Amino acid sequence: MQSIQIKRIYDPPRKSDGYRVLVDRIWPRGLSKDAARIDLWMKDIAPTTELRKWFNHDAARWTTFQEKYRAELRQLGERLDELRDRAKKEPVTLLYGAKDTEHNQAVVLRDVLAETKSRSAPRG
């Protein structure tokens, strides 16, 4: 696998970002689609609206948020496989809008992608 990295969407795009995927359900404020320079917007892989609002980027809720978001991600196996397959071909950068660089869905998603194998991978 190449690499899966995370980055704030407000940071300048770099060639090393590779395939840029926005993993927020809501478009980032004050950013034009041209300036974002994304390759894909995966709204459906972001936390549900209910979970996002409950979390509200409260670091005290981080552990529970991770557990709940991981449970949501387990239902999206094919979408996760798409990202893993892409990362086998080129670097993938998961983009997020949150100010908190340590407590956001892209951190959880990157970790889940690194931990689990593709559902379509041969078993042996």
PDB file of N, CA and C in Angstrom:
ATOM      1  N   MET A   1       0.849  -1.186   0.000  1.00  0.00           N
ATOM      2  CA  MET A   1       0.000   0.000   0.000  1.00  0.00           C
ATOM      3  C   MET A   1       0.886   1.238   0.000  1.00  0.00           C
ATOM      4  N   GLN A   2       0.512   2.202  -0.779  1.00  0.00           N
ATOM      5  CA  GLN A   2       1.234   3.474  -0.807  1.00  0.00           C
ATOM      6  C   GLN A   2       1.099   4.133   0.560  1.00  0.00           C
ATOM      7  N   SER A   3       0.346   5.204   0.637  1.00  0.00           N
ATOM      8  CA  SER A   3       0.155   5.855   1.926  1.00  0.00           C
ATOM      9  C   SER A   3      -1.210   6.520   1.987  1.00  0.00           C
ATOM     10  N   ILE A   4      -1.735   6.603   3.207  1.00  0.00           N
ATOM     11  CA  ILE A   4      -2.947   7.358   3.468  1.00  0.00           C
ATOM     12  C   ILE A   4      -2.564   8.377   4.520  1.00  0.00           C
ATOM     13  N   GLN A   5      -2.689   9.630   4.139  1.00  0.00           N
ATOM     14  CA  GLN A   5      -2.341  10.707   5.055  1.00  0.00           C
ATOM     15  C   GLN A   5      -3.569  11.583   5.282  1.00  0.00           C
ATOM     16  N   ILE A   6      -3.488  12.434   6.278  1.00  0.00           N
ATOM     17  CA  ILE A   6      -4.591  13.358   6.549  1.00  0.00           C
ATOM     18  C   ILE A   6      -4.068  14.788   6.528  1.00  0.00           C
ATOM     19  N   LYS A   7      -4.993  15.707   6.225  1.00  0.00           N
ATOM     20  CA  LYS A   7      -4.588  17.106   6.083  1.00  0.00           C
ATOM     21  C   LYS A   7      -5.826  17.988   6.161  1.00  0.00           C
ATOM     22  N   ARG A   8      -5.673  19.167   6.734  1.00  0.00           N
ATOM     23  CA  ARG A   8      -6.769  20.132   6.722  1.00  0.00           C
ATOM     24  C   ARG A   8      -6.974  20.616   5.295  1.00  0.00           C
ATOM     25  N   ILE A   9      -8.218  20.727   4.904  1.00  0.00           N
ATOM     26  CA  ILE A   9      -8.515  21.162   3.542  1.00  0.00           C
ATOM     27  C   ILE A   9      -8.070  22.603   3.306  1.00  0.00           C
ATOM     28  N   TYR A  10      -7.899  23.354   4.371  1.00  0.00           N
ATOM     29  CA  TYR A  10      -7.468  24.756   4.243  1.00  0.00           C
ATOM     30  C   TYR A  10      -5.963  24.885   4.022  1.00  0.00           C
ATOM     31  N   ASP A  11      -5.212  23.795   4.223  1.00  0.00           N
ATOM     32  CA  ASP A  11      -3.776  23.816   3.944  1.00  0.00           C
ATOM     33  C   ASP A  11      -3.569  23.758   2.433  1.00  0.00           C
ATOM     34  N   PRO A  12      -2.528  24.401   1.926  1.00  0.00           N
ATOM     35  CA  PRO A  12      -2.318  24.419   0.470  1.00  0.00           C
ATOM     36  C   PRO A  12      -2.146  23.011  -0.103  1.00  0.00           C
ATOM     37  N   PRO A  13      -2.784  22.743  -1.245  1.00  0.00           N
ATOM     38  CA  PRO A  13      -2.600  21.444  -1.909  1.00  0.00           C
ATOM     39  C   PRO A  13      -1.143  21.286  -2.353  1.00  0.00           C
ATOM     40  N   ARG A  14      -0.652  20.067  -2.293  1.00  0.00           N
ATOM     41  CA  ARG A  14       0.693  19.751  -2.746  1.00  0.00           C
ATOM     42  C   ARG A  14       0.618  18.548  -3.676  1.00  0.00           C
ATOM     43  N   LYS A  15       1.558  18.475  -4.567  1.00  0.00           N
ATOM     44  CA  LYS A  15       1.597  17.339  -5.493  1.00  0.00           C
ATOM     45  C   LYS A  15       1.701  16.020  -4.721  1.00  0.00           C
ATOM     46  N   SER A  16       2.415  16.039  -3.590  1.00  0.00           N
ATOM     47  CA  SER A  16       2.598  14.830  -2.778  1.00  0.00           C
ATOM     48  C   SER A  16       1.302  14.340  -2.124  1.00  0.00           C
ATOM     49  N   ASP A  17       0.251  15.167  -2.170  1.00  0.00           N
ATOM     50  CA  ASP A  17      -1.048  14.744  -1.610  1.00  0.00           C
ATOM     51  C   ASP A  17      -1.618  13.569  -2.390  1.00  0.00           C
ATOM     52  N   GLY A  18      -1.279  13.472  -3.645  1.00  0.00           N
ATOM     53  CA  GLY A  18      -1.852  12.420  -4.467  1.00  0.00           C
ATOM     54  C   GLY A  18      -3.345  12.640  -4.671  1.00  0.00           C
ATOM     55  N   TYR A  19      -4.126  11.607  -4.428  1.00  0.00           N
ATOM     56  CA  TYR A  19      -5.580  11.630  -4.620  1.00  0.00           C
ATOM     57  C   TYR A  19      -6.211  12.268  -3.384  1.00  0.00           C
ATOM     58  N   ARG A  20      -6.853  13.402  -3.571  1.00  0.00           N
ATOM     59  CA  ARG A  20      -7.394  14.191  -2.455  1.00  0.00           C
ATOM     60  C   ARG A  20      -8.887  13.909  -2.266  1.00  0.00           C
ATOM     61  N   VAL A  21      -9.229  13.430  -1.060  1.00  0.00           N
ATOM     62  CA  VAL A  21     -10.601  13.031  -0.758  1.00  0.00           C
ATOM     63  C   VAL A  21     -11.118  13.816   0.448  1.00  0.00           C
ATOM     64  N   LEU A  22     -12.167  14.585   0.238  1.00  0.00           N
ATOM     65  CA  LEU A  22     -12.814  15.301   1.338  1.00  0.00           C
ATOM     66  C   LEU A  22     -13.713  14.319   2.075  1.00  0.00           C
ATOM     67  N   VAL A  23     -13.523  14.188   3.397  1.00  0.00           N
ATOM     68  CA  VAL A  23     -14.287  13.227   4.192  1.00  0.00           C
ATOM     69  C   VAL A  23     -15.180  13.931   5.219  1.00  0.00           C
ATOM     70  N   ASP A  24     -15.657  15.101   4.868  1.00  0.00           N
ATOM     71  CA  ASP A  24     -16.630  15.846   5.678  1.00  0.00           C
ATOM     72  C   ASP A  24     -17.995  15.743   5.024  1.00  0.00           C
ATOM     73  N   ARG A  25     -19.033  15.744   5.837  1.00  0.00           N
ATOM     74  CA  ARG A  25     -20.398  15.691   5.314  1.00  0.00           C
ATOM     75  C   ARG A  25     -20.835  17.077   4.808  1.00  0.00           C
ATOM     76  N   ILE A  26     -20.236  18.119   5.367  1.00  0.00           N
ATOM     77  CA  ILE A  26     -20.592  19.500   5.019  1.00  0.00           C
ATOM     78  C   ILE A  26     -19.396  20.150   4.326  1.00  0.00           C
ATOM     79  N   TRP A  27     -19.679  20.925   3.269  1.00  0.00           N
ATOM     80  CA  TRP A  27     -18.594  21.616   2.566  1.00  0.00           C
ATOM     81  C   TRP A  27     -17.931  22.635   3.502  1.00  0.00           C
ATOM     82  N   PRO A  28     -16.602  22.724   3.511  1.00  0.00           N
ATOM     83  CA  PRO A  28     -15.878  23.649   4.392  1.00  0.00           C
ATOM     84  C   PRO A  28     -16.215  25.113   4.098  1.00  0.00           C
ATOM     85  N   ARG A  29     -16.413  25.870   5.153  1.00  0.00           N
ATOM     86  CA  ARG A  29     -16.768  27.288   5.032  1.00  0.00           C
ATOM     87  C   ARG A  29     -15.669  28.098   4.369  1.00  0.00           C
ATOM     88  N   GLY A  30     -16.093  29.011   3.515  1.00  0.00           N
ATOM     89  CA  GLY A  30     -15.177  29.978   2.930  1.00  0.00           C
ATOM     90  C   GLY A  30     -14.211  29.416   1.910  1.00  0.00           C
ATOM     91  N   LEU A  31     -14.468  28.229   1.410  1.00  0.00           N
ATOM     92  CA  LEU A  31     -13.546  27.605   0.472  1.00  0.00           C
ATOM     93  C   LEU A  31     -14.293  27.273  -0.817  1.00  0.00           C
ATOM     94  N   SER A  32     -13.770  27.770  -1.919  1.00  0.00           N
ATOM     95  CA  SER A  32     -14.407  27.473  -3.208  1.00  0.00           C
ATOM     96  C   SER A  32     -14.032  26.058  -3.640  1.00  0.00           C
ATOM     97  N   LYS A  33     -14.844  25.499  -4.498  1.00  0.00           N
ATOM     98  CA  LYS A  33     -14.555  24.152  -5.001  1.00  0.00           C
ATOM     99  C   LYS A  33     -13.250  24.150  -5.801  1.00  0.00           C
ATOM    100  N   ASP A  34     -12.982  25.225  -6.521  1.00  0.00           N
ATOM    101  CA  ASP A  34     -11.725  25.310  -7.276  1.00  0.00           C
ATOM    102  C   ASP A  34     -10.521  25.340  -6.341  1.00  0.00           C
ATOM    103  N   ALA A  35     -10.608  26.129  -5.284  1.00  0.00           N
ATOM    104  CA  ALA A  35      -9.489  26.255  -4.345  1.00  0.00           C
ATOM    105  C   ALA A  35      -9.237  24.955  -3.586  1.00  0.00           C
ATOM    106  N   ALA A  36     -10.277  24.172  -3.363  1.00  0.00           N
ATOM    107  CA  ALA A  36     -10.138  22.931  -2.596  1.00  0.00           C
ATOM    108  C   ALA A  36      -9.320  21.883  -3.340  1.00  0.00           C
ATOM    109  N   ARG A  37      -9.446  21.891  -4.665  1.00  0.00           N
ATOM    110  CA  ARG A  37      -8.721  20.946  -5.516  1.00  0.00           C
ATOM    111  C   ARG A  37      -8.842  19.510  -5.015  1.00  0.00           C
ATOM    112  N   ILE A  38     -10.076  19.064  -4.853  1.00  0.00           N
ATOM    113  CA  ILE A  38     -10.297  17.689  -4.430  1.00  0.00           C
ATOM    114  C   ILE A  38     -10.572  16.805  -5.647  1.00  0.00           C
ATOM    115  N   ASP A  39     -10.288  15.526  -5.484  1.00  0.00           N
ATOM    116  CA  ASP A  39     -10.595  14.551  -6.523  1.00  0.00           C
ATOM    117  C   ASP A  39     -11.933  13.875  -6.259  1.00  0.00           C
ATOM    118  N   LEU A  40     -12.318  13.795  -4.975  1.00  0.00           N
ATOM    119  CA  LEU A  40     -13.555  13.121  -4.610  1.00  0.00           C
ATOM    120  C   LEU A  40     -14.067  13.671  -3.290  1.00  0.00           C
ATOM    121  N   TRP A  41     -15.384  13.809  -3.188  1.00  0.00           N
ATOM    122  CA  TRP A  41     -16.020  14.210  -1.934  1.00  0.00           C
ATOM    123  C   TRP A  41     -16.837  13.020  -1.460  1.00  0.00           C
ATOM    124  N   MET A  42     -16.379  12.363  -0.400  1.00  0.00           N
ATOM    125  CA  MET A  42     -17.059  11.184   0.135  1.00  0.00           C
ATOM    126  C   MET A  42     -17.900  11.585   1.350  1.00  0.00           C
ATOM    127  N   LYS A  43     -19.006  12.264   1.097  1.00  0.00           N
ATOM    128  CA  LYS A  43     -19.897  12.692   2.182  1.00  0.00           C
ATOM    129  C   LYS A  43     -20.370  11.500   2.995  1.00  0.00           C
ATOM    130  N   ASP A  44     -20.662  10.407   2.292  1.00  0.00           N
ATOM    131  CA  ASP A  44     -21.266   9.247   2.949  1.00  0.00           C
ATOM    132  C   ASP A  44     -20.322   8.508   3.894  1.00  0.00           C
ATOM    133  N   ILE A  45     -19.034   8.785   3.815  1.00  0.00           N
ATOM    134  CA  ILE A  45     -18.094   8.114   4.712  1.00  0.00           C
ATOM    135  C   ILE A  45     -17.841   8.953   5.969  1.00  0.00           C
ATOM    136  N   ALA A  46     -18.317  10.173   5.974  1.00  0.00           N
ATOM    137  CA  ALA A  46     -18.197  11.049   7.142  1.00  0.00           C
ATOM    138  C   ALA A  46     -19.141  10.571   8.242  1.00  0.00           C
ATOM    139  N   PRO A  47     -18.897  10.989   9.481  1.00  0.00           N
ATOM    140  CA  PRO A  47     -19.829  10.629  10.556  1.00  0.00           C
ATOM    141  C   PRO A  47     -21.241  11.131  10.229  1.00  0.00           C
ATOM    142  N   THR A  48     -22.238  10.397  10.704  1.00  0.00           N
ATOM    143  CA  THR A  48     -23.614  10.843  10.502  1.00  0.00           C
ATOM    144  C   THR A  48     -23.803  12.218  11.129  1.00  0.00           C
ATOM    145  N   THR A  49     -24.808  12.923  10.667  1.00  0.00           N
ATOM    146  CA  THR A  49     -25.101  14.253  11.207  1.00  0.00           C
ATOM    147  C   THR A  49     -25.312  14.174  12.715  1.00  0.00           C
ATOM    148  N   GLU A  50     -26.025  13.152  13.169  1.00  0.00           N
ATOM    149  CA  GLU A  50     -26.295  13.002  14.604  1.00  0.00           C
ATOM    150  C   GLU A  50     -24.999  12.842  15.396  1.00  0.00           C
ATOM    151  N   LEU A  51     -24.108  11.986  14.903  1.00  0.00           N
ATOM    152  CA  LEU A  51     -22.844  11.764  15.602  1.00  0.00           C
ATOM    153  C   LEU A  51     -21.973  13.017  15.563  1.00  0.00           C
ATOM    154  N   ARG A  52     -21.920  13.661  14.427  1.00  0.00           N
ATOM    155  CA  ARG A  52     -21.116  14.889  14.294  1.00  0.00           C
ATOM    156  C   ARG A  52     -21.585  15.957  15.271  1.00  0.00           C
ATOM    157  N   LYS A  53     -22.904  16.155  15.335  1.00  0.00           N
ATOM    158  CA  LYS A  53     -23.445  17.174  16.248  1.00  0.00           C
ATOM    159  C   LYS A  53     -23.210  16.793  17.706  1.00  0.00           C
ATOM    160  N   TRP A  54     -23.363  15.500  18.026  1.00  0.00           N
ATOM    161  CA  TRP A  54     -23.135  15.054  19.401  1.00  0.00           C
ATOM    162  C   TRP A  54     -21.679  15.293  19.796  1.00  0.00           C
ATOM    163  N   PHE A  55     -20.740  14.933  18.928  1.00  0.00           N
ATOM    164  CA  PHE A  55     -19.317  15.081  19.222  1.00  0.00           C
ATOM    165  C   PHE A  55     -18.943  16.554  19.372  1.00  0.00           C
ATOM    166  N   ASN A  56     -19.353  17.365  18.400  1.00  0.00           N
ATOM    167  CA  ASN A  56     -19.105  18.815  18.445  1.00  0.00           C
ATOM    168  C   ASN A  56     -17.640  19.154  18.743  1.00  0.00           C
ATOM    169  N   HIS A  57     -16.730  18.304  18.299  1.00  0.00           N
ATOM    170  CA  HIS A  57     -15.284  18.485  18.494  1.00  0.00           C
ATOM    171  C   HIS A  57     -14.908  18.713  19.953  1.00  0.00           C
ATOM    172  N   ASP A  58     -15.602  18.018  20.844  1.00  0.00           N
ATOM    173  CA  ASP A  58     -15.327  18.056  22.277  1.00  0.00           C
ATOM    174  C   ASP A  58     -14.346  16.928  22.592  1.00  0.00           C
ATOM    175  N   ALA A  59     -13.110  17.296  22.912  1.00  0.00           N
ATOM    176  CA  ALA A  59     -12.059  16.300  23.155  1.00  0.00           C
ATOM    177  C   ALA A  59     -12.442  15.331  24.272  1.00  0.00           C
ATOM    178  N   ALA A  60     -13.276  15.761  25.207  1.00  0.00           N
ATOM    179  CA  ALA A  60     -13.716  14.879  26.294  1.00  0.00           C
ATOM    180  C   ALA A  60     -14.580  13.729  25.764  1.00  0.00           C
ATOM    181  N   ARG A  61     -15.163  13.893  24.580  1.00  0.00           N
ATOM    182  CA  ARG A  61     -16.002  12.857  23.978  1.00  0.00           C
ATOM    183  C   ARG A  61     -15.252  12.030  22.926  1.00  0.00           C
ATOM    184  N   TRP A  62     -13.962  12.265  22.800  1.00  0.00           N
ATOM    185  CA  TRP A  62     -13.173  11.657  21.728  1.00  0.00           C
ATOM    186  C   TRP A  62     -13.229  10.130  21.735  1.00  0.00           C
ATOM    187  N   THR A  63     -13.007   9.501  22.876  1.00  0.00           N
ATOM    188  CA  THR A  63     -12.979   8.037  22.926  1.00  0.00           C
ATOM    189  C   THR A  63     -14.316   7.453  22.491  1.00  0.00           C
ATOM    190  N   THR A  64     -15.399   7.996  22.994  1.00  0.00           N
ATOM    191  CA  THR A  64     -16.725   7.507  22.620  1.00  0.00           C
ATOM    192  C   THR A  64     -17.016   7.804  21.154  1.00  0.00           C
ATOM    193  N   PHE A  65     -16.603   8.981  20.682  1.00  0.00           N
ATOM    194  CA  PHE A  65     -16.781   9.325  19.272  1.00  0.00           C
ATOM    195  C   PHE A  65     -16.095   8.287  18.384  1.00  0.00           C
ATOM    196  N   GLN A  66     -14.858   7.939  18.723  1.00  0.00           N
ATOM    197  CA  GLN A  66     -14.118   6.956  17.922  1.00  0.00           C
ATOM    198  C   GLN A  66     -14.869   5.632  17.850  1.00  0.00           C
ATOM    199  N   GLU A  67     -15.372   5.165  18.979  1.00  0.00           N
ATOM    200  CA  GLU A  67     -16.107   3.901  19.017  1.00  0.00           C
ATOM    201  C   GLU A  67     -17.353   3.966  18.137  1.00  0.00           C
ATOM    202  N   LYS A  68     -18.101   5.050  18.263  1.00  0.00           N
ATOM    203  CA  LYS A  68     -19.349   5.190  17.499  1.00  0.00           C
ATOM    204  C   LYS A  68     -19.063   5.350  16.005  1.00  0.00           C
ATOM    205  N   TYR A  69     -18.053   6.118  15.670  1.00  0.00           N
ATOM    206  CA  TYR A  69     -17.719   6.316  14.257  1.00  0.00           C
ATOM    207  C   TYR A  69     -17.196   5.011  13.643  1.00  0.00           C
ATOM    208  N   ARG A  70     -16.380   4.277  14.379  1.00  0.00           N
ATOM    209  CA  ARG A  70     -15.897   2.986  13.889  1.00  0.00           C
ATOM    210  C   ARG A  70     -17.080   2.041  13.612  1.00  0.00           C
ATOM    211  N   ALA A  71     -18.096   2.087  14.468  1.00  0.00           N
ATOM    212  CA  ALA A  71     -19.289   1.258  14.248  1.00  0.00           C
ATOM    213  C   ALA A  71     -19.986   1.678  12.956  1.00  0.00           C
ATOM    214  N   GLU A  72     -20.063   2.983  12.696  1.00  0.00           N
ATOM    215  CA  GLU A  72     -20.654   3.465  11.440  1.00  0.00           C
ATOM    216  C   GLU A  72     -19.822   2.995  10.245  1.00  0.00           C
ATOM    217  N   LEU A  73     -18.518   3.076  10.370  1.00  0.00           N
ATOM    218  CA  LEU A  73     -17.637   2.690   9.265  1.00  0.00           C
ATOM    219  C   LEU A  73     -17.736   1.209   8.939  1.00  0.00           C
ATOM    220  N   ARG A  74     -18.033   0.383   9.929  1.00  0.00           N
ATOM    221  CA  ARG A  74     -18.171  -1.058   9.670  1.00  0.00           C
ATOM    222  C   ARG A  74     -19.300  -1.341   8.678  1.00  0.00           C
ATOM    223  N   GLN A  75     -20.238  -0.429   8.578  1.00  0.00           N
ATOM    224  CA  GLN A  75     -21.358  -0.595   7.642  1.00  0.00           C
ATOM    225  C   GLN A  75     -20.992  -0.142   6.226  1.00  0.00           C
ATOM    226  N   LEU A  76     -19.804   0.430   6.059  1.00  0.00           N
ATOM    227  CA  LEU A  76     -19.401   1.026   4.775  1.00  0.00           C
ATOM    228  C   LEU A  76     -18.200   0.316   4.158  1.00  0.00           C
ATOM    229  N   GLY A  77     -18.160  -0.995   4.299  1.00  0.00           N
ATOM    230  CA  GLY A  77     -16.997  -1.766   3.853  1.00  0.00           C
ATOM    231  C   GLY A  77     -16.571  -1.507   2.425  1.00  0.00           C
ATOM    232  N   GLU A  78     -17.529  -1.442   1.494  1.00  0.00           N
ATOM    233  CA  GLU A  78     -17.162  -1.226   0.088  1.00  0.00           C
ATOM    234  C   GLU A  78     -16.543   0.149  -0.124  1.00  0.00           C
ATOM    235  N   ARG A  79     -17.046   1.141   0.578  1.00  0.00           N
ATOM    236  CA  ARG A  79     -16.481   2.499   0.439  1.00  0.00           C
ATOM    237  C   ARG A  79     -15.055   2.534   0.997  1.00  0.00           C
ATOM    238  N   LEU A  80     -14.824   1.806   2.089  1.00  0.00           N
ATOM    239  CA  LEU A  80     -13.472   1.724   2.643  1.00  0.00           C
ATOM    240  C   LEU A  80     -12.546   1.012   1.664  1.00  0.00           C
ATOM    241  N   ASP A  81     -13.066  -0.033   1.038  1.00  0.00           N
ATOM    242  CA  ASP A  81     -12.267  -0.759   0.049  1.00  0.00           C
ATOM    243  C   ASP A  81     -11.855   0.146  -1.110  1.00  0.00           C
ATOM    244  N   GLU A  82     -12.745   1.048  -1.515  1.00  0.00           N
ATOM    245  CA  GLU A  82     -12.405   1.985  -2.601  1.00  0.00           C
ATOM    246  C   GLU A  82     -11.168   2.794  -2.237  1.00  0.00           C
ATOM    247  N   LEU A  83     -11.128   3.275  -0.995  1.00  0.00           N
ATOM    248  CA  LEU A  83      -9.978   4.077  -0.558  1.00  0.00           C
ATOM    249  C   LEU A  83      -8.715   3.211  -0.455  1.00  0.00           C
ATOM    250  N   ARG A  84      -8.863   2.012   0.086  1.00  0.00           N
ATOM    251  CA  ARG A  84      -7.695   1.113   0.177  1.00  0.00           C
ATOM    252  C   ARG A  84      -7.149   0.786  -1.206  1.00  0.00           C
ATOM    253  N   ASP A  85      -8.063   0.493  -2.142  1.00  0.00           N
ATOM    254  CA  ASP A  85      -7.627   0.159  -3.502  1.00  0.00           C
ATOM    255  C   ASP A  85      -6.907   1.333  -4.149  1.00  0.00           C
ATOM    256  N   ARG A  86      -7.423   2.528  -3.947  1.00  0.00           N
ATOM    257  CA  ARG A  86      -6.783   3.726  -4.500  1.00  0.00           C
ATOM    258  C   ARG A  86      -5.400   3.904  -3.881  1.00  0.00           C
ATOM    259  N   ALA A  87      -5.292   3.663  -2.573  1.00  0.00           N
ATOM    260  CA  ALA A  87      -4.023   3.856  -1.866  1.00  0.00           C
ATOM    261  C   ALA A  87      -2.966   2.844  -2.302  1.00  0.00           C
ATOM    262  N   LYS A  88      -3.391   1.741  -2.924  1.00  0.00           N
ATOM    263  CA  LYS A  88      -2.423   0.776  -3.454  1.00  0.00           C
ATOM    264  C   LYS A  88      -1.749   1.329  -4.706  1.00  0.00           C
ATOM    265  N   LYS A  89      -2.420   2.272  -5.376  1.00  0.00           N
ATOM    266  CA  LYS A  89      -1.927   2.812  -6.643  1.00  0.00           C
ATOM    267  C   LYS A  89      -1.197   4.142  -6.490  1.00  0.00           C
ATOM    268  N   GLU A  90      -1.623   4.927  -5.506  1.00  0.00           N
ATOM    269  CA  GLU A  90      -1.036   6.267  -5.332  1.00  0.00           C
ATOM    270  C   GLU A  90      -1.322   6.759  -3.908  1.00  0.00           C
ATOM    271  N   PRO A  91      -0.596   7.779  -3.460  1.00  0.00           N
ATOM    272  CA  PRO A  91      -0.896   8.344  -2.148  1.00  0.00           C
ATOM    273  C   PRO A  91      -2.328   8.889  -2.116  1.00  0.00           C
ATOM    274  N   VAL A  92      -2.977   8.744  -0.971  1.00  0.00           N
ATOM    275  CA  VAL A  92      -4.320   9.272  -0.755  1.00  0.00           C
ATOM    276  C   VAL A  92      -4.261  10.216   0.443  1.00  0.00           C
ATOM    277  N   THR A  93      -4.846  11.390   0.291  1.00  0.00           N
ATOM    278  CA  THR A  93      -4.924  12.334   1.392  1.00  0.00           C
ATOM    279  C   THR A  93      -6.384  12.534   1.758  1.00  0.00           C
ATOM    280  N   LEU A  94      -6.706  12.228   3.017  1.00  0.00           N
ATOM    281  CA  LEU A  94      -8.044  12.447   3.549  1.00  0.00           C
ATOM    282  C   LEU A  94      -8.103  13.878   4.071  1.00  0.00           C
ATOM    283  N   LEU A  95      -9.014  14.651   3.530  1.00  0.00           N
ATOM    284  CA  LEU A  95      -9.122  16.073   3.869  1.00  0.00           C
ATOM    285  C   LEU A  95     -10.291  16.310   4.806  1.00  0.00           C
ATOM    286  N   TYR A  96     -10.072  17.187   5.782  1.00  0.00           N
ATOM    287  CA  TYR A  96     -11.110  17.528   6.755  1.00  0.00           C
ATOM    288  C   TYR A  96     -11.052  19.024   7.031  1.00  0.00           C
ATOM    289  N   GLY A  97     -12.140  19.564   7.550  1.00  0.00           N
ATOM    290  CA  GLY A  97     -12.193  20.993   7.799  1.00  0.00           C
ATOM    291  C   GLY A  97     -11.970  21.402   9.243  1.00  0.00           C
ATOM    292  N   ALA A  98     -12.021  20.471  10.173  1.00  0.00           N
ATOM    293  CA  ALA A  98     -11.925  20.788  11.609  1.00  0.00           C
ATOM    294  C   ALA A  98     -10.617  21.509  11.944  1.00  0.00           C
ATOM    295  N   LYS A  99     -10.684  22.372  12.939  1.00  0.00           N
ATOM    296  CA  LYS A  99      -9.476  23.061  13.408  1.00  0.00           C
ATOM    297  C   LYS A  99      -8.599  22.128  14.232  1.00  0.00           C
ATOM    298  N   ASP A 100      -9.226  21.198  14.946  1.00  0.00           N
ATOM    299  CA  ASP A 100      -8.505  20.255  15.802  1.00  0.00           C
ATOM    300  C   ASP A 100      -7.888  19.160  14.930  1.00  0.00           C
ATOM    301  N   THR A 101      -6.571  19.139  14.882  1.00  0.00           N
ATOM    302  CA  THR A 101      -5.878  18.195  14.007  1.00  0.00           C
ATOM    303  C   THR A 101      -5.735  16.796  14.622  1.00  0.00           C
ATOM    304  N   GLU A 102      -6.046  16.652  15.911  1.00  0.00           N
ATOM    305  CA  GLU A 102      -5.893  15.365  16.583  1.00  0.00           C
ATOM    306  C   GLU A 102      -7.211  14.661  16.850  1.00  0.00           C
ATOM    307  N   HIS A 103      -8.309  15.428  16.916  1.00  0.00           N
ATOM    308  CA  HIS A 103      -9.613  14.864  17.263  1.00  0.00           C
ATOM    309  C   HIS A 103     -10.607  15.159  16.147  1.00  0.00           C
ATOM    310  N   ASN A 104     -10.526  14.388  15.071  1.00  0.00           N
ATOM    311  CA  ASN A 104     -11.466  14.560  13.957  1.00  0.00           C
ATOM    312  C   ASN A 104     -11.634  13.226  13.244  1.00  0.00           C
ATOM    313  N   GLN A 105     -12.649  13.151  12.387  1.00  0.00           N
ATOM    314  CA  GLN A 105     -12.994  11.887  11.748  1.00  0.00           C
ATOM    315  C   GLN A 105     -11.905  11.366  10.823  1.00  0.00           C
ATOM    316  N   ALA A 106     -11.107  12.240  10.226  1.00  0.00           N
ATOM    317  CA  ALA A 106     -10.052  11.779   9.320  1.00  0.00           C
ATOM    318  C   ALA A 106      -9.010  10.956  10.076  1.00  0.00           C
ATOM    319  N   VAL A 107      -8.742  11.299  11.330  1.00  0.00           N
ATOM    320  CA  VAL A 107      -7.798  10.533  12.149  1.00  0.00           C
ATOM    321  C   VAL A 107      -8.324   9.109  12.335  1.00  0.00           C
ATOM    322  N   VAL A 108      -9.602   8.996  12.675  1.00  0.00           N
ATOM    323  CA  VAL A 108     -10.214   7.682  12.892  1.00  0.00           C
ATOM    324  C   VAL A 108     -10.232   6.893  11.586  1.00  0.00           C
ATOM    325  N   LEU A 109     -10.656   7.540  10.516  1.00  0.00           N
ATOM    326  CA  LEU A 109     -10.753   6.876   9.222  1.00  0.00           C
ATOM    327  C   LEU A 109      -9.396   6.370   8.754  1.00  0.00           C
ATOM    328  N   ARG A 110      -8.368   7.185   8.874  1.00  0.00           N
ATOM    329  CA  ARG A 110      -7.008   6.761   8.492  1.00  0.00           C
ATOM    330  C   ARG A 110      -6.596   5.524   9.293  1.00  0.00           C
ATOM    331  N   ASP A 111      -6.865   5.540  10.590  1.00  0.00           N
ATOM    332  CA  ASP A 111      -6.487   4.418  11.443  1.00  0.00           C
ATOM    333  C   ASP A 111      -7.258   3.154  11.061  1.00  0.00           C
ATOM    334  N   VAL A 112      -8.548   3.283  10.790  1.00  0.00           N
ATOM    335  CA  VAL A 112      -9.360   2.134  10.387  1.00  0.00           C
ATOM    336  C   VAL A 112      -8.843   1.562   9.071  1.00  0.00           C
ATOM    337  N   LEU A 113      -8.525   2.425   8.126  1.00  0.00           N
ATOM    338  CA  LEU A 113      -8.017   1.959   6.835  1.00  0.00           C
ATOM    339  C   LEU A 113      -6.682   1.227   6.994  1.00  0.00           C
ATOM    340  N   ALA A 114      -5.875   1.682   7.917  1.00  0.00           N
ATOM    341  CA  ALA A 114      -4.576   1.047   8.140  1.00  0.00           C
ATOM    342  C   ALA A 114      -4.711  -0.291   8.869  1.00  0.00           C
ATOM    343  N   GLU A 115      -5.726  -0.417   9.731  1.00  0.00           N
ATOM    344  CA  GLU A 115      -5.895  -1.617  10.559  1.00  0.00           C
ATOM    345  C   GLU A 115      -6.551  -2.771   9.840  1.00  0.00           C
ATOM    346  N   THR A 116      -7.510  -2.481   8.993  1.00  0.00           N
ATOM    347  CA  THR A 116      -8.337  -3.542   8.442  1.00  0.00           C
ATOM    348  C   THR A 116      -7.970  -3.839   7.010  1.00  0.00           C
ATOM    349  N   LYS A 117      -8.179  -5.079   6.644  1.00  0.00           N
ATOM    350  CA  LYS A 117      -7.898  -5.497   5.275  1.00  0.00           C
ATOM    351  C   LYS A 117      -9.139  -5.356   4.418  1.00  0.00           C
ATOM    352  N   SER A 118      -8.929  -5.293   3.159  1.00  0.00           N
ATOM    353  CA  SER A 118     -10.010  -5.198   2.192  1.00  0.00           C
ATOM    354  C   SER A 118     -10.941  -6.398   2.324  1.00  0.00           C
ATOM    355  N   ARG A 119     -12.240  -6.135   2.257  1.00  0.00           N
ATOM    356  CA  ARG A 119     -13.233  -7.207   2.300  1.00  0.00           C
ATOM    357  C   ARG A 119     -13.149  -8.061   1.044  1.00  0.00           C
ATOM    358  N   SER A 120     -12.626  -7.480  -0.019  1.00  0.00           N
ATOM    359  CA  SER A 120     -12.550  -8.213  -1.283  1.00  0.00           C
ATOM    360  C   SER A 120     -11.182  -8.897  -1.459  1.00  0.00           C
ATOM    361  N   ALA A 121     -10.321  -8.774  -0.469  1.00  0.00           N
ATOM    362  CA  ALA A 121      -8.990  -9.388  -0.563  1.00  0.00           C
ATOM    363  C   ALA A 121      -9.115 -10.908  -0.468  1.00  0.00           C
ATOM    364  N   PRO A 122      -8.255 -11.608  -1.172  1.00  0.00           N
ATOM    365  CA  PRO A 122      -8.286 -13.073  -1.086  1.00  0.00           C
ATOM    366  C   PRO A 122      -7.982 -13.512   0.341  1.00  0.00           C
ATOM    367  N   ARG A 123      -8.653 -14.537   0.763  1.00  0.00           N
ATOM    368  CA  ARG A 123      -8.418 -15.064   2.115  1.00  0.00           C
ATOM    369  C   ARG A 123      -7.458 -16.228   2.016  1.00  0.00           C
ATOM    370  N   GLY A 124      -6.627 -16.343   3.032  1.00  0.00           N
ATOM    371  CA  GLY A 124      -5.690 -17.439   2.955  1.00  0.00           C
ATOM    372  C   GLY A 124      -5.151 -17.860   4.257  1.00  0.00           C
TER     373      GLY A 124
END
